């Protein structure tokens, strides 16, 4: 079966890097029944961290954020790729973008078990449409 490349929406919350900040946000989302298709967290400057939240339920996520008092970014775009985990699986998509002259802003890929993998990939907004075409994203 061919890999699936989806256009996805995400937003991010910038939080303090103290323990438990991510757990609080994830607990509120779970309580509201919001499934995340991807989640990525990493440190920023001055004791802050960025939590990227990818979901098909973005309006509901934004309502939960407002009610809970955490600020989230405007909605942004990324790609979610899933497929059979095999040698070269990630390279296949990265090379498509390289061949199209598109730089990758960031990417995270993991083995999902049962012979599957997943990857979230970001490009600059100005390159998004061109990247979607190169990746044949739906």
Protein backbone atom coordinates (compact mmCIF):
# COMPACT_ATOMS: atom_id res chain seq x y z
CA UNK A 1 0.00 0.00 0.00
CA UNK A 2 1.26 3.49 -0.87
CA UNK A 3 2.04 6.05 1.78
CA UNK A 4 -0.65 8.55 2.70
CA UNK A 5 0.33 12.24 2.60
CA UNK A 6 -2.26 14.52 4.18
CA UNK A 7 -2.43 18.29 4.43
CA UNK A 8 -3.05 19.08 8.10
CA UNK A 9 -3.76 22.10 10.24
CA UNK A 10 -1.94 22.78 13.46
CA UNK A 11 -1.48 25.49 16.00
CA UNK A 12 0.97 25.80 18.82
CA UNK A 13 0.95 26.89 22.41
CA UNK A 14 3.99 28.51 23.97
CA UNK A 15 4.25 27.53 27.63
CA UNK A 16 6.62 27.71 30.54
CA UNK A 17 9.18 24.88 30.55
CA UNK A 18 8.26 23.91 34.08
CA UNK A 19 7.18 20.29 34.62
CA UNK A 20 3.55 19.49 33.92
CA UNK A 21 2.68 22.24 31.44
CA UNK A 22 2.29 19.85 28.52
CA UNK A 23 0.42 17.34 30.68
CA UNK A 24 -2.13 20.01 31.66
CA UNK A 25 -2.83 20.95 28.05
CA UNK A 26 -3.03 17.33 26.92
CA UNK A 27 -5.39 16.53 29.82
CA UNK A 28 -7.76 19.36 28.83
CA UNK A 29 -7.77 18.20 25.21
CA UNK A 30 -8.45 14.59 26.23
CA UNK A 31 -11.25 15.72 28.58
CA UNK A 32 -12.83 17.61 25.66
CA UNK A 33 -12.58 14.52 23.42
CA UNK A 34 -10.07 16.09 21.05
CA UNK A 35 -7.88 13.50 19.34
CA UNK A 36 -4.46 14.72 18.25
CA UNK A 37 -3.11 13.38 14.97
CA UNK A 38 0.36 14.58 15.97
CA UNK A 39 1.99 16.33 18.90
CA UNK A 40 5.48 17.78 19.08
CA UNK A 41 7.10 19.72 21.89
CA UNK A 42 10.48 21.38 22.07
CA UNK A 43 12.32 24.09 24.02
CA UNK A 44 12.34 27.74 22.99
CA UNK A 45 14.22 30.71 24.42
CA UNK A 46 13.97 32.09 27.94
CA UNK A 47 12.49 29.07 29.74
CA UNK A 48 9.65 28.56 27.25
CA UNK A 49 8.55 25.55 25.21
CA UNK A 50 6.47 25.20 22.05
CA UNK A 51 3.78 22.53 21.84
CA UNK A 52 2.55 21.81 18.29
CA UNK A 53 -1.00 20.45 18.24
CA UNK A 54 -2.27 18.77 15.06
CA UNK A 55 -5.95 17.87 14.88
CA UNK A 56 -8.89 17.76 12.50
CA UNK A 57 -10.92 19.46 15.25
CA UNK A 58 -9.13 22.81 15.24
CA UNK A 59 -12.19 25.01 16.04
CA UNK A 60 -12.94 22.92 19.13
CA UNK A 61 -9.27 22.94 20.18
CA UNK A 62 -9.23 26.74 19.94
CA UNK A 63 -12.40 26.98 22.06
CA UNK A 64 -10.87 24.73 24.72
CA UNK A 65 -7.69 26.83 24.66
CA UNK A 66 -9.64 30.07 25.12
CA UNK A 67 -11.73 28.59 27.94
CA UNK A 68 -8.61 27.21 29.64
CA UNK A 69 -6.69 30.47 29.32
CA UNK A 70 -3.83 29.32 27.13
CA UNK A 71 -2.95 31.20 24.03
CA UNK A 72 -2.47 29.39 20.77
CA UNK A 73 -1.00 30.59 17.49
CA UNK A 74 -3.04 31.22 14.39
CA UNK A 75 -3.78 28.03 12.43
CA UNK A 76 -0.80 26.88 10.38
CA UNK A 77 -0.19 24.12 7.82
CA UNK A 78 1.94 20.96 7.79
CA UNK A 79 1.94 17.49 6.23
CA UNK A 80 1.20 14.22 8.00
CA UNK A 81 2.68 11.18 6.26
CA UNK A 82 1.98 7.56 7.19
CA UNK A 83 2.97 4.31 5.57
CA UNK A 84 4.83 1.04 5.66
CA UNK A 85 8.04 1.24 7.67
CA UNK A 86 10.86 0.20 5.37
CA UNK A 87 14.37 1.37 4.57
CA UNK A 88 14.18 4.66 2.69
CA UNK A 89 10.56 5.47 3.59
CA UNK A 90 11.38 8.94 4.95
CA UNK A 91 14.04 9.57 2.29
CA UNK A 92 11.44 9.04 -0.44
CA UNK A 93 9.43 12.10 0.67
CA UNK A 94 12.41 14.24 1.65
CA UNK A 95 13.92 13.65 -1.80
CA UNK A 96 10.68 14.70 -3.52
CA UNK A 97 10.93 18.06 -1.77
CA UNK A 98 14.65 18.39 -2.48
CA UNK A 99 14.03 17.66 -6.16
CA UNK A 100 11.35 20.38 -6.17
CA UNK A 101 13.81 22.87 -4.61
CA UNK A 102 11.89 23.06 -1.32
CA UNK A 103 13.68 23.30 2.02
CA UNK A 104 12.17 21.48 4.98
CA UNK A 105 11.68 23.66 8.05
CA UNK A 106 11.35 20.67 10.42
CA UNK A 107 10.40 16.99 10.36
CA UNK A 108 9.76 14.29 12.95
CA UNK A 109 9.40 10.64 12.00
CA UNK A 110 8.77 7.61 14.21
CA UNK A 111 8.16 3.91 13.90
CA UNK A 112 4.51 3.33 14.79
CA UNK A 113 4.79 -0.43 15.33
CA UNK A 114 3.12 -3.19 13.31
CA UNK A 115 5.40 -2.32 10.38
CA UNK A 116 4.13 1.28 10.09
CA UNK A 117 5.72 4.72 10.43
CA UNK A 118 4.49 8.27 10.69
CA UNK A 119 6.08 11.62 9.95
CA UNK A 120 5.07 15.23 10.37
CA UNK A 121 6.80 17.65 8.07
CA UNK A 122 6.81 21.44 7.92
CA UNK A 123 7.80 23.79 5.10
CA UNK A 124 7.66 27.56 4.84
CA UNK A 125 4.15 28.90 4.12
CA UNK A 126 5.29 30.29 0.77
CA UNK A 127 6.35 26.74 -0.27
CA UNK A 128 3.27 24.90 1.00
CA UNK A 129 1.30 24.66 -2.27
CA UNK A 130 4.40 23.63 -4.23
CA UNK A 131 5.26 21.03 -1.55
CA UNK A 132 1.70 19.69 -1.58
CA UNK A 133 1.98 19.16 -5.32
CA UNK A 134 5.42 17.51 -5.06
CA UNK A 135 4.20 15.19 -2.28
CA UNK A 136 0.83 14.56 -3.97
CA UNK A 137 -0.82 15.50 -0.68
CA UNK A 138 -4.55 15.19 -0.23
